[in-house]
N, C-alpha and C. Protein backbone atom coordinates (compact mmCIF):
# COMPACT_ATOMS: atom_id res chain seq x y z
N MET A 1 70.58 56.58 111.34
CA MET A 1 70.45 55.52 110.36
C MET A 1 70.67 56.11 108.96
N ARG A 2 71.35 55.37 108.12
CA ARG A 2 71.67 55.81 106.77
C ARG A 2 70.42 55.83 105.90
N GLN A 3 70.25 56.91 105.15
CA GLN A 3 69.16 57.00 104.19
C GLN A 3 69.52 56.18 102.96
N LYS A 4 68.54 55.53 102.35
CA LYS A 4 68.80 54.71 101.17
C LYS A 4 69.37 55.52 100.02
N ASN A 5 68.92 56.75 99.85
CA ASN A 5 69.37 57.56 98.74
C ASN A 5 70.61 58.39 99.06
N GLU A 6 71.12 58.24 100.25
CA GLU A 6 72.32 58.97 100.64
C GLU A 6 73.52 58.44 99.86
N LYS A 7 74.32 59.35 99.34
CA LYS A 7 75.49 58.95 98.57
C LYS A 7 76.49 58.23 99.46
N GLN A 8 77.00 57.11 98.98
CA GLN A 8 77.97 56.33 99.72
C GLN A 8 79.33 57.03 99.67
N LYS A 9 80.12 56.84 100.70
CA LYS A 9 81.44 57.44 100.76
C LYS A 9 82.48 56.32 100.77
N PHE A 10 83.49 56.51 99.93
CA PHE A 10 84.57 55.55 99.84
C PHE A 10 85.89 56.28 99.95
N MET A 11 86.89 55.58 100.49
CA MET A 11 88.22 56.16 100.63
C MET A 11 89.26 55.15 100.18
N LEU A 12 90.37 55.67 99.67
CA LEU A 12 91.49 54.85 99.26
C LEU A 12 92.51 54.84 100.39
N CYS A 13 92.95 53.65 100.80
CA CYS A 13 93.92 53.51 101.88
C CYS A 13 95.33 53.82 101.36
N LEU A 14 95.99 54.75 102.00
CA LEU A 14 97.36 55.13 101.65
C LEU A 14 98.38 54.57 102.63
N GLU A 15 97.94 54.32 103.85
CA GLU A 15 98.85 53.89 104.93
C GLU A 15 98.13 52.87 105.80
N ASN A 16 98.87 51.90 106.31
CA ASN A 16 98.26 50.90 107.20
C ASN A 16 99.18 50.57 108.38
N LYS A 17 99.97 51.53 108.79
CA LYS A 17 100.93 51.33 109.87
C LYS A 17 100.26 50.74 111.11
N ASP A 18 100.75 49.56 111.52
CA ASP A 18 100.26 48.87 112.72
C ASP A 18 98.78 48.47 112.64
N CYS A 19 98.23 48.38 111.43
CA CYS A 19 96.82 48.00 111.25
C CYS A 19 96.75 46.79 110.33
N GLU A 20 96.61 45.62 110.91
CA GLU A 20 96.60 44.38 110.13
C GLU A 20 95.36 44.23 109.26
N ASP A 21 94.27 44.93 109.58
CA ASP A 21 93.03 44.78 108.84
C ASP A 21 92.82 45.83 107.76
N LEU A 22 93.90 46.51 107.36
CA LEU A 22 93.85 47.46 106.25
C LEU A 22 94.89 47.08 105.22
N GLU A 23 94.55 47.25 103.95
CA GLU A 23 95.51 47.02 102.87
C GLU A 23 95.75 48.33 102.14
N ARG A 24 97.00 48.67 101.95
CA ARG A 24 97.34 49.87 101.19
C ARG A 24 96.85 49.71 99.75
N ARG A 25 96.45 50.82 99.14
CA ARG A 25 95.97 50.90 97.76
C ARG A 25 94.64 50.16 97.56
N LYS A 26 93.89 49.96 98.62
CA LYS A 26 92.58 49.32 98.53
C LYS A 26 91.50 50.34 98.87
N ILE A 27 90.33 50.19 98.25
CA ILE A 27 89.20 51.09 98.48
C ILE A 27 88.33 50.51 99.60
N TYR A 28 87.96 51.38 100.54
CA TYR A 28 87.12 50.98 101.68
C TYR A 28 85.88 51.86 101.77
N GLN A 29 84.78 51.25 102.20
CA GLN A 29 83.56 52.00 102.47
C GLN A 29 83.69 52.67 103.83
N VAL A 30 83.24 53.90 103.89
CA VAL A 30 83.30 54.68 105.12
C VAL A 30 81.88 54.92 105.62
N LEU A 31 81.67 54.72 106.90
CA LEU A 31 80.37 54.98 107.52
C LEU A 31 80.38 56.34 108.18
N PRO A 32 79.25 57.03 108.19
CA PRO A 32 79.20 58.35 108.81
C PRO A 32 79.43 58.26 110.32
N ASP A 33 80.27 59.15 110.83
CA ASP A 33 80.53 59.24 112.27
C ASP A 33 81.11 60.63 112.53
N ASP A 34 80.22 61.58 112.76
CA ASP A 34 80.64 62.97 112.94
C ASP A 34 81.56 63.15 114.14
N GLU A 35 81.28 62.45 115.21
CA GLU A 35 82.11 62.58 116.42
C GLU A 35 83.54 62.11 116.14
N ALA A 36 83.68 60.99 115.48
CA ALA A 36 85.01 60.48 115.14
C ALA A 36 85.73 61.43 114.19
N SER A 37 85.00 61.97 113.24
CA SER A 37 85.58 62.90 112.27
C SER A 37 86.15 64.13 112.95
N GLU A 38 85.45 64.63 113.96
CA GLU A 38 85.93 65.79 114.71
C GLU A 38 87.23 65.49 115.44
N GLU A 39 87.46 64.23 115.75
CA GLU A 39 88.67 63.81 116.46
C GLU A 39 89.78 63.36 115.51
N GLY A 40 89.53 63.43 114.18
CA GLY A 40 90.56 63.08 113.21
C GLY A 40 90.55 61.62 112.78
N PHE A 41 89.40 60.96 112.94
CA PHE A 41 89.27 59.55 112.58
C PHE A 41 88.15 59.35 111.57
N VAL A 42 88.18 58.21 110.88
CA VAL A 42 87.09 57.79 110.00
C VAL A 42 86.68 56.38 110.41
N ARG A 43 85.39 56.09 110.24
CA ARG A 43 84.86 54.76 110.56
C ARG A 43 84.81 53.97 109.25
N VAL A 44 85.67 52.96 109.15
CA VAL A 44 85.88 52.21 107.92
C VAL A 44 85.48 50.75 108.13
N ILE A 45 84.84 50.16 107.11
CA ILE A 45 84.60 48.73 107.12
C ILE A 45 85.88 48.09 106.58
N ASP A 46 86.63 47.44 107.47
CA ASP A 46 87.96 46.94 107.10
C ASP A 46 87.90 45.49 106.65
N GLU A 47 89.07 44.85 106.55
CA GLU A 47 89.18 43.48 106.06
C GLU A 47 88.48 42.47 106.96
N SER A 48 88.23 42.80 108.21
CA SER A 48 87.52 41.90 109.10
C SER A 48 86.03 41.87 108.80
N GLY A 49 85.57 42.85 108.01
CA GLY A 49 84.14 42.96 107.71
C GLY A 49 83.40 43.80 108.72
N GLU A 50 84.09 44.27 109.73
CA GLU A 50 83.51 45.11 110.78
C GLU A 50 83.96 46.55 110.57
N ASP A 51 83.26 47.48 111.22
CA ASP A 51 83.67 48.88 111.11
C ASP A 51 84.48 49.28 112.34
N TYR A 52 85.60 49.96 112.07
CA TYR A 52 86.50 50.42 113.12
C TYR A 52 86.98 51.82 112.79
N LEU A 53 87.48 52.51 113.80
CA LEU A 53 88.02 53.84 113.60
C LEU A 53 89.50 53.76 113.23
N TYR A 54 89.87 54.57 112.23
CA TYR A 54 91.26 54.68 111.79
C TYR A 54 91.58 56.15 111.58
N PRO A 55 92.84 56.53 111.66
CA PRO A 55 93.21 57.93 111.42
C PRO A 55 92.84 58.37 110.00
N LYS A 56 92.27 59.56 109.88
CA LYS A 56 91.94 60.11 108.56
C LYS A 56 93.16 60.17 107.66
N SER A 57 94.31 60.39 108.25
CA SER A 57 95.54 60.55 107.47
C SER A 57 95.93 59.28 106.72
N PHE A 58 95.32 58.16 107.05
CA PHE A 58 95.60 56.90 106.36
C PHE A 58 94.87 56.81 105.01
N PHE A 59 93.95 57.73 104.73
CA PHE A 59 93.06 57.63 103.58
C PHE A 59 92.94 58.95 102.82
N ILE A 60 92.49 58.82 101.56
CA ILE A 60 92.01 59.98 100.80
C ILE A 60 90.62 59.64 100.29
N SER A 61 89.75 60.63 100.26
CA SER A 61 88.39 60.44 99.74
C SER A 61 88.43 60.29 98.23
N ILE A 62 87.57 59.42 97.73
CA ILE A 62 87.44 59.25 96.29
C ILE A 62 85.96 59.19 95.94
N GLN A 63 85.63 59.56 94.72
CA GLN A 63 84.26 59.46 94.23
C GLN A 63 84.20 58.34 93.21
N LEU A 64 83.24 57.46 93.38
CA LEU A 64 83.08 56.33 92.48
C LEU A 64 81.74 56.41 91.77
N PRO A 65 81.66 55.90 90.54
CA PRO A 65 80.36 55.81 89.87
C PRO A 65 79.43 54.90 90.67
N ILE A 66 78.15 55.11 90.55
CA ILE A 66 77.14 54.33 91.27
C ILE A 66 77.35 52.83 91.02
N GLU A 67 77.65 52.46 89.78
CA GLU A 67 77.83 51.04 89.44
C GLU A 67 78.97 50.44 90.27
N ALA A 68 80.07 51.18 90.41
CA ALA A 68 81.21 50.69 91.19
C ALA A 68 80.85 50.58 92.67
N GLN A 69 80.08 51.53 93.17
CA GLN A 69 79.66 51.48 94.57
C GLN A 69 78.83 50.22 94.83
N LYS A 70 77.93 49.90 93.92
CA LYS A 70 77.09 48.71 94.09
C LYS A 70 77.94 47.44 94.12
N VAL A 71 78.92 47.35 93.25
CA VAL A 71 79.79 46.18 93.21
C VAL A 71 80.57 46.04 94.51
N LEU A 72 81.12 47.15 95.01
CA LEU A 72 81.90 47.10 96.25
C LEU A 72 81.02 46.73 97.44
N GLN A 73 79.82 47.24 97.48
CA GLN A 73 78.93 46.92 98.59
C GLN A 73 78.48 45.46 98.53
N ALA A 74 78.28 44.91 97.36
CA ALA A 74 77.85 43.52 97.21
C ALA A 74 78.98 42.57 97.61
N ALA A 75 80.23 43.02 97.51
CA ALA A 75 81.37 42.18 97.82
C ALA A 75 81.57 42.00 99.32
N ARG A 76 80.90 42.78 100.15
CA ARG A 76 81.07 42.67 101.60
C ARG A 76 80.53 41.40 102.12
């Protein structure tokens, strides 16, 4: 379970090949999933509002100010 004070992770989508629920150049919240990460995937809350696994290569990690993180989380 996520700790309340744990820093949120966000990634910028660079590629959405064959993925209808991802938009290029959009920021997505990433949920922790060590097992998926070891296999080259990230667990992303996509346009459907659900979390799914996508290739890490589709994204780059970004750091956002706390204020921006709050806005993005409230928009879900």
